[in-house]
Amino acid sequence: MKPAYYLFLFADKVIGWLPISFTRAVAHAGANIYYYAFPGKRRMIKRNMRRALGHEASEKEVRSTARRACRYYADYWVDIFWLPTMSREYVLERFSRVNESVLISAINAGKGVLVVLPHYGSWEAGAVFLSSLGPFAAVAEILKPVELFDLFCKLRKAVGIDIFPYDKKPETRDAMVESLESGVMLALLSDRDLKGKGVEVEFFGERTTLPPGPAALALRSGSPILVVSVRNTRDGWVGHAMDPIGVSTSDGRDRDEVIRETMQLVARQLEVLIREDPAQWHMFMPAWPSDRE
């Protein structure tokens, strides 16, 4: 059994019993150590923060944003274990919404909704809100050992998320389509394609790739894509939904062209949401060809 499993198991057992202010203070201290102890990772974080801030940002602003990014990432991990200990009412009272009407309209249409998110803020808080509106599921990477994956599935079930494993099996994709056709909201994190085998797009002014899953599933299911974010605030969270993206080949375009154009639209909407507070973007790894080089 890997040490990470026991660390997460320990966190699951104790975080709910500790004052959240103390837990966050400890997590932020660890985040500061992480920032200064790993110079290679620090350079990568600063590089990605500069992309989101814009290349005209000063070095001082980039450094400050990168340090805050580490603290927000620590908050994300705290919330994974802390939110399941809170009541739904507690979270919803502190969860503000921007452009909520487009989400409600998409749900009421009954065709399912593909909820596309960046690695940003504390999206488990968004799951509490979304699951209060109807059936909600998400696609998650399979972690090893299997006990660790099971633990994360349990934690996410506690905030209202049913999990589809990202195993690339045709039957899993078929099950996702069936769930969408039955009216389920299905969430996918779609702001990075670490293997570089996805659809080429321009993202923050550079060419890279994003996973084609949202567009491909939308074509098969007829569900709209809603790009959303969940941003931390001092007293809670803000969920922000962009206008829906419809996906179809009825105008004569071929499938590959539709997927490519759809993912470019997704990239543009992700940029808007991430730029609301770049420090909340958990992009700590190379996601552009220029980084991998």
Protein backbone atom coordinates (compact mmCIF):
# COMPACT_ATOMS: atom_id res chain seq x y z
CA MET A 1 0.00 0.00 0.00
CA LYS A 2 1.40 3.41 -0.95
CA PRO A 3 2.10 6.01 1.79
CA ALA A 4 -0.17 8.51 0.00
CA TYR A 5 -3.16 6.30 0.76
CA TYR A 6 -2.48 6.34 4.51
CA LEU A 7 -1.90 10.11 4.43
CA PHE A 8 -5.27 10.70 2.75
CA LEU A 9 -6.96 8.19 5.05
CA PHE A 10 -5.56 10.07 8.05
CA ALA A 11 -6.80 13.38 6.63
CA ASP A 12 -10.24 11.87 6.11
CA LYS A 13 -10.38 10.82 9.76
CA VAL A 14 -9.16 14.03 11.42
CA ILE A 15 -10.03 17.10 9.31
CA GLY A 16 -13.69 17.05 10.26
CA TRP A 17 -12.77 17.22 13.93
CA LEU A 18 -10.40 20.19 13.70
CA PRO A 19 -11.35 23.89 13.50
CA ILE A 20 -11.33 24.74 9.81
CA SER A 21 -9.33 27.94 10.46
CA PHE A 22 -6.55 25.85 12.04
CA THR A 23 -6.61 23.31 9.21
CA ARG A 24 -6.35 26.04 6.57
CA ALA A 25 -3.51 27.77 8.43
CA VAL A 26 -1.53 24.52 8.52
CA ALA A 27 -2.31 23.86 4.85
CA HIS A 28 -1.20 27.38 3.85
CA ALA A 29 2.07 26.97 5.76
CA GLY A 30 2.68 23.74 3.85
CA ALA A 31 1.86 25.51 0.59
CA ASN A 32 4.46 28.20 1.28
CA ILE A 33 7.09 25.55 2.01
CA TYR A 34 6.14 23.76 -1.22
CA TYR A 35 6.53 26.97 -3.22
CA TYR A 36 10.03 27.72 -1.96
CA ALA A 37 11.34 24.15 -1.65
CA PHE A 38 10.84 23.10 -5.26
CA PRO A 39 12.38 25.64 -7.67
CA GLY A 40 11.48 23.68 -10.80
CA LYS A 41 7.82 23.49 -9.80
CA ARG A 42 7.91 27.17 -8.79
CA ARG A 43 9.12 28.16 -12.26
CA MET A 44 6.33 26.11 -13.86
CA ILE A 45 3.64 27.70 -11.68
CA LYS A 46 4.94 31.20 -12.45
CA ARG A 47 5.01 30.40 -16.16
CA ASN A 48 1.35 29.35 -16.12
CA MET A 49 0.28 32.28 -13.95
CA ARG A 50 1.93 34.65 -16.43
CA ARG A 51 -0.12 33.08 -19.20
CA ALA A 52 -3.35 33.74 -17.32
CA LEU A 53 -2.35 37.21 -16.11
CA GLY A 54 -1.07 38.27 -19.52
CA HIS A 55 2.52 38.74 -20.56
CA GLU A 56 2.38 42.42 -19.65
CA ALA A 57 2.08 41.46 -15.94
CA SER A 58 5.03 42.47 -13.77
CA GLU A 59 7.36 39.92 -12.23
CA LYS A 60 6.15 41.00 -8.79
CA GLU A 61 2.52 40.31 -9.73
CA VAL A 62 3.44 36.92 -11.19
CA ARG A 63 5.34 35.91 -8.04
CA SER A 64 2.51 37.02 -5.77
CA THR A 65 -0.07 35.18 -7.86
CA ALA A 66 2.03 32.01 -7.91
CA ARG A 67 2.34 32.01 -4.12
CA ARG A 68 -1.40 32.51 -3.77
CA ALA A 69 -1.96 29.68 -6.25
CA CYS A 70 -0.18 27.27 -3.91
CA ARG A 71 -2.35 28.39 -0.99
CA TYR A 72 -5.55 28.01 -3.02
CA TYR A 73 -4.42 24.55 -4.07
CA ALA A 74 -3.98 23.68 -0.41
CA ASP A 75 -7.54 24.95 0.20
CA TYR A 76 -8.78 22.64 -2.53
CA TRP A 77 -7.28 19.61 -0.78
CA VAL A 78 -8.68 20.70 2.56
CA ASP A 79 -12.14 21.07 1.02
CA ILE A 80 -12.04 17.54 -0.42
CA PHE A 81 -12.00 16.18 3.13
CA TRP A 82 -13.85 18.98 4.94
CA LEU A 83 -16.89 19.51 2.70
CA PRO A 84 -18.26 15.96 3.19
CA THR A 85 -18.46 16.75 6.92
CA MET A 86 -20.65 19.82 6.27
CA SER A 87 -24.38 19.78 5.64
CA ARG A 88 -25.71 20.64 2.20
CA GLU A 89 -27.53 23.60 3.74
CA TYR A 90 -24.27 24.98 5.14
CA VAL A 91 -22.63 24.95 1.70
CA LEU A 92 -25.63 26.28 -0.23
CA GLU A 93 -26.01 29.24 2.14
CA ARG A 94 -22.45 30.28 1.21
CA PHE A 95 -22.63 29.44 -2.50
CA SER A 96 -23.32 32.42 -4.79
CA ARG A 97 -24.23 32.00 -8.46
CA VAL A 98 -23.47 33.95 -11.63
CA ASN A 99 -25.56 33.34 -14.77
CA GLU A 100 -27.48 30.59 -12.98
CA SER A 101 -30.45 30.90 -15.36
CA VAL A 102 -28.59 29.30 -18.29
CA LEU A 103 -27.82 26.27 -16.15
CA ILE A 104 -31.40 25.93 -14.97
CA SER A 105 -32.68 26.25 -18.54
CA ALA A 106 -30.28 23.56 -19.75
CA ILE A 107 -31.34 21.19 -16.96
CA ASN A 108 -35.04 21.81 -17.63
CA ALA A 109 -34.55 20.97 -21.34
CA GLY A 110 -34.10 17.36 -20.21
CA LYS A 111 -31.23 16.48 -22.56
CA GLY A 112 -28.55 16.26 -19.90
CA VAL A 113 -25.75 18.79 -19.46
CA LEU A 114 -22.02 18.44 -20.03
CA VAL A 115 -20.50 20.56 -17.27
CA VAL A 116 -16.94 21.45 -18.32
CA LEU A 117 -14.61 22.80 -15.65
CA PRO A 118 -11.01 23.94 -15.28
CA HIS A 119 -8.83 22.70 -12.42
CA TYR A 120 -9.81 25.78 -10.45
CA GLY A 121 -11.04 26.78 -7.01
CA SER A 122 -12.83 24.12 -4.95
CA TRP A 123 -15.12 22.45 -7.45
CA GLU A 124 -16.45 19.95 -4.88
CA ALA A 125 -18.45 22.90 -3.47
CA GLY A 126 -19.96 23.25 -6.94
CA ALA A 127 -20.90 19.57 -6.82
CA VAL A 128 -22.94 20.20 -3.68
CA PHE A 129 -24.88 22.89 -5.54
CA LEU A 130 -25.29 20.93 -8.80
CA SER A 131 -26.40 17.77 -7.04
CA SER A 132 -29.10 19.84 -5.32
CA LEU A 133 -30.58 20.52 -8.78
CA GLY A 134 -30.69 16.95 -10.07
CA PRO A 135 -28.67 13.78 -10.79
CA PHE A 136 -24.98 14.65 -11.05
CA ALA A 137 -21.91 12.62 -12.05
CA ALA A 138 -18.29 13.24 -12.95
CA VAL A 139 -15.47 11.56 -14.83
CA ALA A 140 -12.44 10.85 -12.64
CA GLU A 141 -8.98 9.48 -13.28
CA ILE A 142 -8.40 6.03 -11.80
CA LEU A 143 -5.90 6.34 -8.96
CA LYS A 144 -3.59 3.66 -7.63
CA PRO A 145 -3.76 1.82 -5.34
CA VAL A 146 -7.42 0.94 -5.83
CA GLU A 147 -8.07 1.70 -2.15
CA LEU A 148 -7.12 5.34 -2.80
CA PHE A 149 -9.51 5.56 -5.76
CA ASP A 150 -12.27 4.02 -3.62
CA LEU A 151 -11.60 6.59 -0.87
CA PHE A 152 -11.94 9.49 -3.32
CA CYS A 153 -15.12 7.97 -4.75
CA LYS A 154 -16.52 7.78 -1.21
CA LEU A 155 -15.61 11.40 -0.48
CA ARG A 156 -17.15 12.60 -3.73
CA LYS A 157 -20.28 10.50 -3.21
CA ALA A 158 -20.67 12.35 0.11
CA VAL A 159 -20.98 15.68 -1.74
CA GLY A 160 -23.36 14.29 -4.37
CA ILE A 161 -21.03 13.07 -7.14
CA ASP A 162 -21.42 9.70 -8.83
CA ILE A 163 -18.14 8.71 -10.50
CA PHE A 164 -17.46 7.36 -13.97
CA PRO A 165 -13.89 5.99 -14.09
CA TYR A 166 -11.73 7.40 -16.88
CA ASP A 167 -10.79 3.99 -18.27
CA LYS A 168 -11.27 4.64 -22.02
CA LYS A 169 -13.50 1.57 -22.34
CA PRO A 170 -16.24 1.85 -25.01
CA GLU A 171 -18.81 0.54 -22.55
CA THR A 172 -17.93 3.32 -20.09
CA ARG A 173 -18.41 5.97 -22.78
CA ASP A 174 -21.72 4.33 -23.75
CA ALA A 175 -22.83 4.51 -20.12
CA MET A 176 -21.92 8.22 -20.02
CA VAL A 177 -24.03 8.89 -23.12
CA GLU A 178 -26.95 6.94 -21.68
CA SER A 179 -26.77 8.94 -18.45
CA LEU A 180 -26.75 12.22 -20.38
CA GLU A 181 -29.72 11.12 -22.47
CA SER A 182 -31.58 10.38 -19.23
CA GLY A 183 -31.01 13.97 -18.03
CA VAL A 184 -27.92 13.62 -15.84
CA MET A 185 -25.40 16.46 -15.46
CA LEU A 186 -21.94 15.06 -16.26
CA ALA A 187 -18.82 17.00 -15.23
CA LEU A 188 -15.44 16.81 -16.98
CA LEU A 189 -12.23 18.65 -16.08
CA SER A 190 -11.00 19.77 -19.48
CA ASP A 191 -8.31 22.44 -19.25
CA ARG A 192 -5.27 20.20 -19.76
CA ASP A 193 -4.23 17.30 -21.97
CA LEU A 194 -1.03 16.04 -20.43
CA LYS A 195 -0.26 13.46 -23.10
CA GLY A 196 -0.69 15.99 -25.91
CA LYS A 197 -2.91 13.70 -28.01
CA GLY A 198 -6.11 15.74 -27.95
CA VAL A 199 -7.57 18.45 -30.19
CA GLU A 200 -5.32 21.35 -31.13
CA VAL A 201 -6.55 24.75 -29.91
CA GLU A 202 -5.20 28.17 -29.06
CA PHE A 203 -5.26 28.57 -25.29
CA PHE A 204 -3.95 31.70 -23.59
CA GLY A 205 -2.26 32.78 -26.81
CA GLU A 206 -0.38 29.54 -27.50
CA ARG A 207 -1.14 26.41 -29.46
CA THR A 208 -1.73 23.31 -27.34
CA THR A 209 -4.23 20.46 -27.11
CA LEU A 210 -7.33 19.85 -25.01
CA PRO A 211 -9.16 16.55 -24.52
CA PRO A 212 -11.97 16.12 -27.08
CA GLY A 213 -14.30 14.34 -24.65
CA PRO A 214 -16.81 17.16 -24.08
CA ALA A 215 -17.39 17.74 -27.79
CA ALA A 216 -17.48 14.02 -28.64
CA LEU A 217 -19.98 13.25 -25.88
CA ALA A 218 -22.11 16.26 -26.84
CA LEU A 219 -22.31 15.04 -30.43
CA ARG A 220 -23.41 11.58 -29.35
CA SER A 221 -25.88 12.64 -26.67
CA GLY A 222 -27.27 15.93 -28.00
CA SER A 223 -26.49 17.54 -24.65
CA PRO A 224 -25.30 21.16 -24.44
CA ILE A 225 -21.88 22.05 -23.02
CA LEU A 226 -21.77 24.50 -20.13
CA VAL A 227 -18.33 25.75 -19.13
CA VAL A 228 -18.36 26.63 -15.43
CA SER A 229 -16.01 27.48 -12.58
CA VAL A 230 -16.22 27.47 -8.80
CA ARG A 231 -14.22 30.30 -7.28
CA ASN A 232 -13.34 30.55 -3.57
CA THR A 233 -14.29 33.71 -1.71
CA ARG A 234 -13.56 34.87 1.82
CA ASP A 235 -16.87 33.47 3.10
CA GLY A 236 -17.68 30.69 0.63
CA TRP A 237 -17.76 30.10 -3.10
CA VAL A 238 -19.06 31.55 -6.37
CA GLY A 239 -20.26 29.34 -9.22
CA HIS A 240 -20.11 30.97 -12.65
CA ALA A 241 -21.73 29.43 -15.74
CA MET A 242 -20.92 30.62 -19.26
CA ASP A 243 -23.51 30.61 -22.05
CA PRO A 244 -24.19 27.10 -23.42
CA ILE A 245 -22.40 25.66 -26.43
CA GLY A 246 -24.56 23.57 -28.75
CA VAL A 247 -22.85 20.85 -30.77
CA SER A 248 -24.20 19.40 -34.02
CA THR A 249 -23.18 18.23 -37.49
CA SER A 250 -26.57 19.12 -38.99
CA ASP A 251 -25.04 22.04 -40.92
CA GLY A 252 -22.91 19.69 -43.04
CA ARG A 253 -19.59 20.02 -41.23
CA ASP A 254 -17.72 16.80 -40.59
CA ARG A 255 -17.32 15.40 -37.09
CA ASP A 256 -13.64 16.23 -36.67
CA GLU A 257 -14.21 19.85 -37.70
CA VAL A 258 -17.10 20.22 -35.26
CA ILE A 259 -15.07 18.75 -32.40
CA ARG A 260 -12.11 21.02 -33.17
CA GLU A 261 -14.25 24.18 -33.36
CA THR A 262 -16.21 23.23 -30.25
CA MET A 263 -13.08 22.72 -28.18
CA GLN A 264 -11.77 26.09 -29.35
CA LEU A 265 -14.96 27.69 -28.03
CA VAL A 266 -14.47 25.78 -24.77
CA ALA A 267 -10.90 27.09 -24.54
CA ARG A 268 -12.10 30.69 -24.97
CA GLN A 269 -14.68 30.33 -22.21
CA LEU A 270 -12.17 28.65 -19.90
CA GLU A 271 -9.87 31.64 -20.39
CA VAL A 272 -12.62 34.04 -19.29
CA LEU A 273 -13.32 32.11 -16.10
CA ILE A 274 -9.68 31.50 -15.17
CA ARG A 275 -8.82 35.17 -15.61
CA GLU A 276 -11.38 36.12 -12.94
CA ASP A 277 -8.69 35.07 -10.43
CA PRO A 278 -5.70 33.28 -12.00
CA ALA A 279 -4.33 32.35 -8.56
CA GLN A 280 -7.18 29.83 -8.19
CA TRP A 281 -6.07 27.93 -11.30
CA HIS A 282 -4.39 24.68 -10.26
CA MET A 283 -2.12 24.46 -13.30
CA PHE A 284 1.18 23.34 -11.85
CA MET A 285 2.49 21.22 -14.70
CA PRO A 286 3.53 21.56 -18.35
CA ALA A 287 0.45 21.69 -20.57
CA TRP A 288 1.85 23.43 -23.67
CA PRO A 289 4.37 22.04 -26.19
CA SER A 290 6.76 24.88 -25.36
CA ASP A 291 6.86 23.65 -21.74
CA ARG A 292 7.51 20.05 -22.70
CA GLU A 293 10.36 21.11 -24.95
